[in-house]
Each structure stands twice: as structure tokens, then as C-alpha cells.
Amino acid sequence: MKILILNGPNLNLLGIREKNIYGETSFEEYLSGLRDFYTMVEIDYYQSNVEGELINKIHEVGFSYDGIILNAGAYTHTSIAIADAISAIPCPVIEVHISNTAKREAFRHVSFLTPVCRGVIAGFGLKSYELALQAFM
């Protein structure tokens, strides 16, 4: 099984930014443990702060991978282009969020991605990624 974890803007700062919301672990540290535990799955990772680069990556893997775990960050609430990219590929996508977006600012309550994703996992910290991985398995 081949899965891509795709992180959007500002998620490169995990472990440093807003620790009360996002925790103290960098994504690279978390990913290392995930790969060590789920050795039967090939887990690729890509992060970008640029919307077009995220879309390019979705196009690149969306016809050959078994799944994409996507945390689009703030683009979740703004990007019709990312939603269109998801709609254009056969690969299933699970939307994840580290925080419970429904308990945060009102603008975070709307997702343009949810209607085109297989499902949404939010509010379980970094564990949200593992839950999405388990859903694919």
C-alpha cells in the first residue's frame, strides 16, 4: 500500500508554532514513528506553503497511489482549486486536521474539501494522521 501524507501551509512549523493548539512535536519526528510502526505501508510525505505545489502533487500521485492523507491547513477554507484537483483523481483522499476546527474561529467551520473527500478526521492532534492511515488499511 502506498499513501501520501500531504501537508499545506504553516505545517512545516509544527512543534514550534502555537504549541497549545498543535503540540510540541515536529511533523518529521511524528512521521518517523509512524513509518517505524506501519512498516507494511509505504508512507511518502510532502509539505508546501504554496497552493499550486499542493495541486501539482495531488495530480502527480492521484493516479497511482492508494490514498492521500491531506491537511491543507488554511487552504481547506479557501481553495476551490484544491477541491477540483481532488475531484479530478481516482485516488481517495482523507481530510485531516490536528485541531478540532469546529471549536475554533467561525471561518474554520467551512471546508471546500470535505464534499470531495472520503472522510474527515479532526481534533485528535497528530494522531489524526494515524487514524486516517488506519482507515485506508
N, C-alpha and C. Protein backbone atom coordinates (compact mmCIF):
# COMPACT_ATOMS: atom_id res chain seq x y z
N MET A 1 0.85 -1.18 0.00
CA MET A 1 0.00 0.00 0.00
C MET A 1 0.89 1.24 0.00
N LYS A 2 0.52 2.20 -0.82
CA LYS A 2 1.28 3.45 -0.96
C LYS A 2 0.38 4.62 -0.60
N ILE A 3 0.78 5.37 0.42
CA ILE A 3 0.00 6.50 0.92
C ILE A 3 0.88 7.75 0.92
N LEU A 4 0.29 8.87 0.50
CA LEU A 4 0.96 10.17 0.60
C LEU A 4 0.32 10.97 1.72
N ILE A 5 1.14 11.48 2.61
CA ILE A 5 0.69 12.49 3.57
C ILE A 5 1.08 13.83 2.97
N LEU A 6 0.09 14.68 2.78
CA LEU A 6 0.28 15.96 2.12
C LEU A 6 -0.14 17.08 3.08
N ASN A 7 0.83 17.88 3.48
CA ASN A 7 0.57 18.98 4.41
C ASN A 7 0.70 20.32 3.71
N GLY A 8 -0.22 21.21 4.06
CA GLY A 8 -0.25 22.54 3.48
C GLY A 8 0.46 23.59 4.31
N PRO A 9 0.05 24.84 4.15
CA PRO A 9 0.77 25.98 4.70
C PRO A 9 0.89 25.96 6.22
N ASN A 10 2.06 26.36 6.66
CA ASN A 10 2.43 26.56 8.05
C ASN A 10 2.61 25.27 8.84
N LEU A 11 2.33 24.14 8.22
CA LEU A 11 2.50 22.87 8.94
C LEU A 11 3.98 22.47 9.03
N ASN A 12 4.83 23.16 8.30
CA ASN A 12 6.27 22.99 8.46
C ASN A 12 6.74 23.54 9.81
N LEU A 13 5.88 24.29 10.50
CA LEU A 13 6.25 24.89 11.79
C LEU A 13 5.71 24.10 12.99
N LEU A 14 5.20 22.89 12.74
CA LEU A 14 4.70 22.09 13.86
C LEU A 14 5.83 21.84 14.86
N GLY A 15 5.47 21.92 16.12
CA GLY A 15 6.45 21.77 17.18
C GLY A 15 7.01 23.10 17.65
N ILE A 16 6.81 24.14 16.84
CA ILE A 16 7.31 25.48 17.17
C ILE A 16 6.16 26.46 17.36
N ARG A 17 5.16 26.40 16.49
CA ARG A 17 4.08 27.38 16.48
C ARG A 17 2.92 26.94 17.38
N GLU A 18 2.31 27.87 18.00
CA GLU A 18 1.09 27.67 18.77
C GLU A 18 1.01 26.29 19.41
N LYS A 19 1.96 26.02 20.28
CA LYS A 19 2.07 24.69 20.89
C LYS A 19 0.82 24.29 21.65
N ASN A 20 0.07 25.26 22.14
CA ASN A 20 -1.17 24.95 22.86
C ASN A 20 -2.22 24.35 21.93
N ILE A 21 -2.11 24.60 20.63
CA ILE A 21 -3.05 24.04 19.65
C ILE A 21 -2.44 22.84 18.93
N TYR A 22 -1.18 22.96 18.51
CA TYR A 22 -0.56 21.99 17.61
C TYR A 22 0.46 21.07 18.27
N GLY A 23 0.75 21.27 19.54
CA GLY A 23 1.68 20.39 20.24
C GLY A 23 3.13 20.78 20.07
N GLU A 24 4.00 19.96 20.65
CA GLU A 24 5.43 20.26 20.69
C GLU A 24 6.27 19.36 19.80
N THR A 25 5.64 18.47 19.07
CA THR A 25 6.36 17.52 18.22
C THR A 25 6.39 18.03 16.79
N SER A 26 7.56 17.99 16.18
CA SER A 26 7.65 18.36 14.76
C SER A 26 7.02 17.25 13.94
N PHE A 27 6.59 17.59 12.72
CA PHE A 27 5.97 16.55 11.90
C PHE A 27 6.98 15.48 11.51
N GLU A 28 8.21 15.88 11.30
CA GLU A 28 9.25 14.92 10.92
C GLU A 28 9.46 13.89 12.03
N GLU A 29 9.45 14.32 13.29
CA GLU A 29 9.57 13.39 14.42
C GLU A 29 8.38 12.43 14.43
N TYR A 30 7.19 12.98 14.29
CA TYR A 30 5.98 12.16 14.29
C TYR A 30 6.00 11.16 13.13
N LEU A 31 6.35 11.63 11.95
CA LEU A 31 6.37 10.79 10.76
C LEU A 31 7.34 9.62 10.92
N SER A 32 8.46 9.86 11.52
CA SER A 32 9.44 8.80 11.74
C SER A 32 8.83 7.65 12.56
N GLY A 33 8.12 7.99 13.61
CA GLY A 33 7.47 6.97 14.43
C GLY A 33 6.36 6.25 13.68
N LEU A 34 5.62 6.99 12.88
CA LEU A 34 4.54 6.40 12.08
C LEU A 34 5.12 5.38 11.09
N ARG A 35 6.19 5.75 10.43
CA ARG A 35 6.83 4.85 9.46
C ARG A 35 7.40 3.62 10.16
N ASP A 36 7.98 3.81 11.34
CA ASP A 36 8.55 2.69 12.09
C ASP A 36 7.48 1.68 12.50
N PHE A 37 6.29 2.17 12.84
CA PHE A 37 5.22 1.30 13.31
C PHE A 37 4.47 0.64 12.15
N TYR A 38 4.25 1.38 11.07
CA TYR A 38 3.48 0.87 9.92
C TYR A 38 4.43 0.51 8.79
N THR A 39 5.28 -0.49 9.03
CA THR A 39 6.29 -0.87 8.05
C THR A 39 5.69 -1.50 6.80
N MET A 40 4.45 -1.98 6.91
CA MET A 40 3.82 -2.63 5.76
C MET A 40 3.24 -1.62 4.76
N VAL A 41 3.31 -0.34 5.11
CA VAL A 41 2.78 0.72 4.25
C VAL A 41 3.92 1.63 3.82
N GLU A 42 3.98 1.96 2.55
CA GLU A 42 4.94 2.95 2.08
C GLU A 42 4.30 4.32 2.28
N ILE A 43 4.88 5.10 3.18
CA ILE A 43 4.32 6.41 3.51
C ILE A 43 5.25 7.48 2.96
N ASP A 44 4.78 8.18 1.95
CA ASP A 44 5.52 9.32 1.41
C ASP A 44 4.99 10.59 2.04
N TYR A 45 5.81 11.62 2.04
CA TYR A 45 5.42 12.88 2.69
C TYR A 45 5.82 14.05 1.83
N TYR A 46 4.94 15.04 1.77
CA TYR A 46 5.23 16.28 1.06
C TYR A 46 4.53 17.42 1.79
N GLN A 47 5.23 18.53 1.93
CA GLN A 47 4.67 19.73 2.55
C GLN A 47 5.01 20.92 1.69
N SER A 48 4.04 21.82 1.52
CA SER A 48 4.29 23.07 0.82
C SER A 48 3.39 24.16 1.36
N ASN A 49 3.90 25.36 1.34
CA ASN A 49 3.12 26.53 1.70
C ASN A 49 2.44 27.14 0.47
N VAL A 50 2.64 26.52 -0.70
CA VAL A 50 2.17 27.07 -1.97
C VAL A 50 1.03 26.21 -2.53
N GLU A 51 -0.11 26.83 -2.76
CA GLU A 51 -1.30 26.13 -3.23
C GLU A 51 -1.05 25.34 -4.51
N GLY A 52 -0.42 25.95 -5.49
CA GLY A 52 -0.16 25.27 -6.76
C GLY A 52 0.72 24.05 -6.63
N GLU A 53 1.67 24.08 -5.71
CA GLU A 53 2.53 22.92 -5.49
C GLU A 53 1.74 21.76 -4.88
N LEU A 54 0.79 22.06 -4.01
CA LEU A 54 -0.08 21.02 -3.45
C LEU A 54 -0.92 20.38 -4.56
N ILE A 55 -1.46 21.21 -5.43
CA ILE A 55 -2.26 20.72 -6.56
C ILE A 55 -1.40 19.86 -7.47
N ASN A 56 -0.19 20.30 -7.78
CA ASN A 56 0.71 19.50 -8.62
C ASN A 56 0.99 18.15 -8.00
N LYS A 57 1.17 18.09 -6.69
CA LYS A 57 1.45 16.82 -6.01
C LYS A 57 0.23 15.91 -6.05
N ILE A 58 -0.96 16.48 -5.88
CA ILE A 58 -2.20 15.68 -5.99
C ILE A 58 -2.30 15.07 -7.38
N HIS A 59 -2.02 15.86 -8.42
CA HIS A 59 -2.04 15.35 -9.79
C HIS A 59 -0.98 14.27 -10.00
N GLU A 60 0.19 14.48 -9.42
CA GLU A 60 1.31 13.55 -9.61
C GLU A 60 1.01 12.16 -9.04
N VAL A 61 0.42 12.09 -7.85
CA VAL A 61 0.24 10.79 -7.19
C VAL A 61 -1.20 10.28 -7.29
N GLY A 62 -2.12 11.11 -7.69
CA GLY A 62 -3.54 10.78 -7.64
C GLY A 62 -4.01 9.67 -8.56
N PHE A 63 -3.13 9.21 -9.46
CA PHE A 63 -3.50 8.13 -10.38
C PHE A 63 -2.73 6.85 -10.08
N SER A 64 -1.83 6.89 -9.09
CA SER A 64 -1.00 5.71 -8.83
C SER A 64 -0.95 5.29 -7.36
N TYR A 65 -1.31 6.18 -6.43
CA TYR A 65 -1.25 5.85 -5.01
C TYR A 65 -2.58 5.27 -4.54
N ASP A 66 -2.53 4.61 -3.38
CA ASP A 66 -3.74 4.02 -2.79
C ASP A 66 -4.53 5.01 -1.96
N GLY A 67 -3.90 6.10 -1.55
CA GLY A 67 -4.62 7.09 -0.77
C GLY A 67 -3.76 8.31 -0.48
N ILE A 68 -4.44 9.41 -0.20
CA ILE A 68 -3.78 10.66 0.21
C ILE A 68 -4.41 11.10 1.52
N ILE A 69 -3.56 11.39 2.48
CA ILE A 69 -3.99 12.00 3.75
C ILE A 69 -3.62 13.46 3.63
N LEU A 70 -4.63 14.32 3.61
CA LEU A 70 -4.41 15.73 3.30
C LEU A 70 -4.80 16.63 4.46
N ASN A 71 -3.83 17.39 4.93
CA ASN A 71 -4.09 18.51 5.84
C ASN A 71 -3.72 19.76 5.04
N ALA A 72 -4.72 20.38 4.46
CA ALA A 72 -4.48 21.53 3.59
C ALA A 72 -4.34 22.83 4.37
N GLY A 73 -4.34 22.75 5.71
CA GLY A 73 -4.22 23.96 6.51
C GLY A 73 -5.31 24.95 6.14
N ALA A 74 -4.97 26.21 6.09
CA ALA A 74 -5.94 27.26 5.81
C ALA A 74 -6.55 27.15 4.41
N TYR A 75 -5.87 26.46 3.48
CA TYR A 75 -6.45 26.27 2.15
C TYR A 75 -7.74 25.45 2.21
N THR A 76 -7.93 24.71 3.28
CA THR A 76 -9.18 23.96 3.47
C THR A 76 -10.38 24.87 3.32
N HIS A 77 -10.24 26.09 3.82
CA HIS A 77 -11.36 27.02 3.91
C HIS A 77 -11.42 28.01 2.75
N THR A 78 -10.48 27.89 1.81
CA THR A 78 -10.42 28.88 0.74
C THR A 78 -10.25 28.31 -0.66
N SER A 79 -9.79 27.06 -0.79
CA SER A 79 -9.31 26.60 -2.10
C SER A 79 -10.30 25.70 -2.85
N ILE A 80 -10.97 26.31 -3.77
CA ILE A 80 -11.79 25.54 -4.70
C ILE A 80 -10.86 24.78 -5.66
N ALA A 81 -9.70 25.34 -5.94
CA ALA A 81 -8.74 24.71 -6.85
C ALA A 81 -8.25 23.37 -6.30
N ILE A 82 -7.98 23.29 -5.00
CA ILE A 82 -7.57 22.01 -4.40
C ILE A 82 -8.74 21.03 -4.44
N ALA A 83 -9.94 21.50 -4.16
CA ALA A 83 -11.13 20.63 -4.25
C ALA A 83 -11.28 20.08 -5.67
N ASP A 84 -11.08 20.92 -6.67
CA ASP A 84 -11.17 20.47 -8.06
C ASP A 84 -10.10 19.43 -8.37
N ALA A 85 -8.89 19.61 -7.83
CA ALA A 85 -7.81 18.64 -8.05
C ALA A 85 -8.18 17.29 -7.45
N ILE A 86 -8.76 17.30 -6.27
CA ILE A 86 -9.19 16.05 -5.64
C ILE A 86 -10.27 15.38 -6.47
N SER A 87 -11.21 16.17 -6.97
CA SER A 87 -12.29 15.62 -7.80
C SER A 87 -11.77 15.00 -9.09
N ALA A 88 -10.63 15.46 -9.56
CA ALA A 88 -10.09 15.02 -10.85
C ALA A 88 -9.34 13.70 -10.79
N ILE A 89 -9.07 13.19 -9.60
CA ILE A 89 -8.25 11.97 -9.47
C ILE A 89 -9.08 10.81 -8.92
N PRO A 90 -8.69 9.59 -9.24
CA PRO A 90 -9.40 8.43 -8.69
C PRO A 90 -8.95 8.05 -7.27
N CYS A 91 -7.80 8.49 -6.86
CA CYS A 91 -7.24 8.16 -5.55
C CYS A 91 -8.10 8.77 -4.43
N PRO A 92 -8.49 7.98 -3.43
CA PRO A 92 -9.28 8.54 -2.33
C PRO A 92 -8.43 9.46 -1.44
N VAL A 93 -9.07 10.49 -0.93
CA VAL A 93 -8.40 11.47 -0.06
C VAL A 93 -9.16 11.56 1.25
N ILE A 94 -8.41 11.52 2.35
CA ILE A 94 -8.99 11.77 3.67
C ILE A 94 -8.46 13.10 4.16
N GLU A 95 -9.37 13.98 4.51
CA GLU A 95 -9.04 15.31 5.05
C GLU A 95 -8.76 15.16 6.55
N VAL A 96 -7.63 15.69 6.99
CA VAL A 96 -7.31 15.65 8.42
C VAL A 96 -7.00 17.05 8.94
N HIS A 97 -7.26 17.21 10.23
CA HIS A 97 -6.91 18.43 10.94
C HIS A 97 -6.43 18.04 12.32
N ILE A 98 -5.38 18.69 12.77
CA ILE A 98 -4.82 18.42 14.09
C ILE A 98 -5.76 18.92 15.17
N SER A 99 -6.30 20.11 14.98
CA SER A 99 -7.22 20.69 15.95
C SER A 99 -8.66 20.38 15.53
N ASN A 100 -9.57 20.57 16.45
CA ASN A 100 -10.99 20.43 16.14
C ASN A 100 -11.44 21.77 15.57
N THR A 101 -11.51 21.85 14.25
CA THR A 101 -11.81 23.11 13.58
C THR A 101 -13.20 23.63 13.94
N ALA A 102 -14.10 22.76 14.33
CA ALA A 102 -15.45 23.19 14.70
C ALA A 102 -15.48 23.96 16.02
N LYS A 103 -14.41 23.83 16.81
CA LYS A 103 -14.32 24.55 18.09
C LYS A 103 -13.50 25.83 17.97
N ARG A 104 -13.09 26.16 16.76
CA ARG A 104 -12.24 27.33 16.55
C ARG A 104 -13.01 28.45 15.88
N GLU A 105 -12.32 29.39 15.27
CA GLU A 105 -12.95 30.55 14.64
C GLU A 105 -13.99 30.11 13.60
N ALA A 106 -15.01 30.94 13.41
CA ALA A 106 -16.12 30.61 12.52
C ALA A 106 -15.65 30.32 11.09
N PHE A 107 -14.63 31.03 10.60
CA PHE A 107 -14.19 30.79 9.22
C PHE A 107 -13.61 29.39 9.04
N ARG A 108 -13.19 28.75 10.13
CA ARG A 108 -12.66 27.39 10.05
C ARG A 108 -13.76 26.32 10.03
N HIS A 109 -15.00 26.73 10.15
CA HIS A 109 -16.10 25.77 10.17
C HIS A 109 -16.50 25.33 8.76
N VAL A 110 -16.02 26.04 7.74
CA VAL A 110 -16.36 25.72 6.35
C VAL A 110 -15.16 25.09 5.67
N SER A 111 -15.40 23.96 5.03
CA SER A 111 -14.36 23.29 4.26
C SER A 111 -14.84 23.09 2.82
N PHE A 112 -14.05 23.57 1.87
CA PHE A 112 -14.33 23.32 0.47
C PHE A 112 -13.90 21.91 0.07
N LEU A 113 -13.13 21.25 0.93
CA LEU A 113 -12.58 19.94 0.60
C LEU A 113 -13.46 18.78 1.06
N THR A 114 -14.16 18.96 2.15
CA THR A 114 -14.97 17.88 2.72
C THR A 114 -15.89 17.20 1.71
N PRO A 115 -16.59 17.95 0.86
CA PRO A 115 -17.51 17.29 -0.08
C PRO A 115 -16.84 16.37 -1.10
N VAL A 116 -15.55 16.54 -1.34
CA VAL A 116 -14.85 15.72 -2.33
C VAL A 116 -13.90 14.71 -1.70
N CYS A 117 -13.86 14.64 -0.39
CA CYS A 117 -13.00 13.70 0.32
C CYS A 117 -13.81 12.50 0.80
N ARG A 118 -13.12 11.39 1.00
CA ARG A 118 -13.76 10.17 1.51
C ARG A 118 -14.29 10.40 2.91
N GLY A 119 -13.54 11.15 3.72
CA GLY A 119 -13.95 11.43 5.09
C GLY A 119 -13.07 12.50 5.70
N VAL A 120 -13.39 12.85 6.95
CA VAL A 120 -12.67 13.89 7.68
C VAL A 120 -12.35 13.37 9.08
N ILE A 121 -11.12 13.61 9.51
CA ILE A 121 -10.71 13.28 10.87
C ILE A 121 -10.10 14.55 11.45
N ALA A 122 -10.64 15.00 12.57
CA ALA A 122 -10.18 16.27 13.15
C ALA A 122 -10.22 16.22 14.66
N GLY A 123 -9.25 16.92 15.25
CA GLY A 123 -9.30 17.15 16.68
C GLY A 123 -8.54 16.16 17.54
N PHE A 124 -7.80 15.25 16.95
CA PHE A 124 -7.08 14.25 17.72
C PHE A 124 -5.57 14.50 17.73
N GLY A 125 -5.17 15.74 17.50
CA GLY A 125 -3.76 16.06 17.44
C GLY A 125 -3.11 15.35 16.25
N LEU A 126 -1.83 15.06 16.39
CA LEU A 126 -1.13 14.37 15.31
C LEU A 126 -1.69 12.97 15.08
N LYS A 127 -2.34 12.41 16.08
CA LYS A 127 -2.97 11.09 15.96
C LYS A 127 -4.01 11.07 14.82
N SER A 128 -4.51 12.24 14.42
CA SER A 128 -5.46 12.31 13.30
C SER A 128 -4.88 11.65 12.04
N TYR A 129 -3.57 11.80 11.82
CA TYR A 129 -2.93 11.20 10.65
C TYR A 129 -2.94 9.68 10.75
N GLU A 130 -2.65 9.16 11.92
CA GLU A 130 -2.64 7.71 12.12
C GLU A 130 -4.05 7.14 11.94
N LEU A 131 -5.04 7.84 12.44
CA LEU A 131 -6.43 7.38 12.28
C LEU A 131 -6.81 7.33 10.80
N ALA A 132 -6.35 8.30 10.03
CA ALA A 132 -6.60 8.29 8.59
C ALA A 132 -5.88 7.12 7.92
N LEU A 133 -4.66 6.87 8.34
CA LEU A 133 -3.90 5.74 7.80
C LEU A 133 -4.61 4.42 8.09
N GLN A 134 -5.10 4.29 9.32
CA GLN A 134 -5.84 3.07 9.68
C GLN A 134 -7.12 2.94 8.85
N ALA A 135 -7.77 4.04 8.55
CA ALA A 135 -8.98 3.99 7.71
C ALA A 135 -8.64 3.45 6.32
N PHE A 136 -7.49 3.80 5.77
CA PHE A 136 -7.10 3.28 4.46
C PHE A 136 -6.75 1.79 4.54
N MET A 137 -6.20 1.38 5.65
CA MET A 137 -5.80 -0.02 5.80
C MET A 137 -7.01 -0.91 5.96
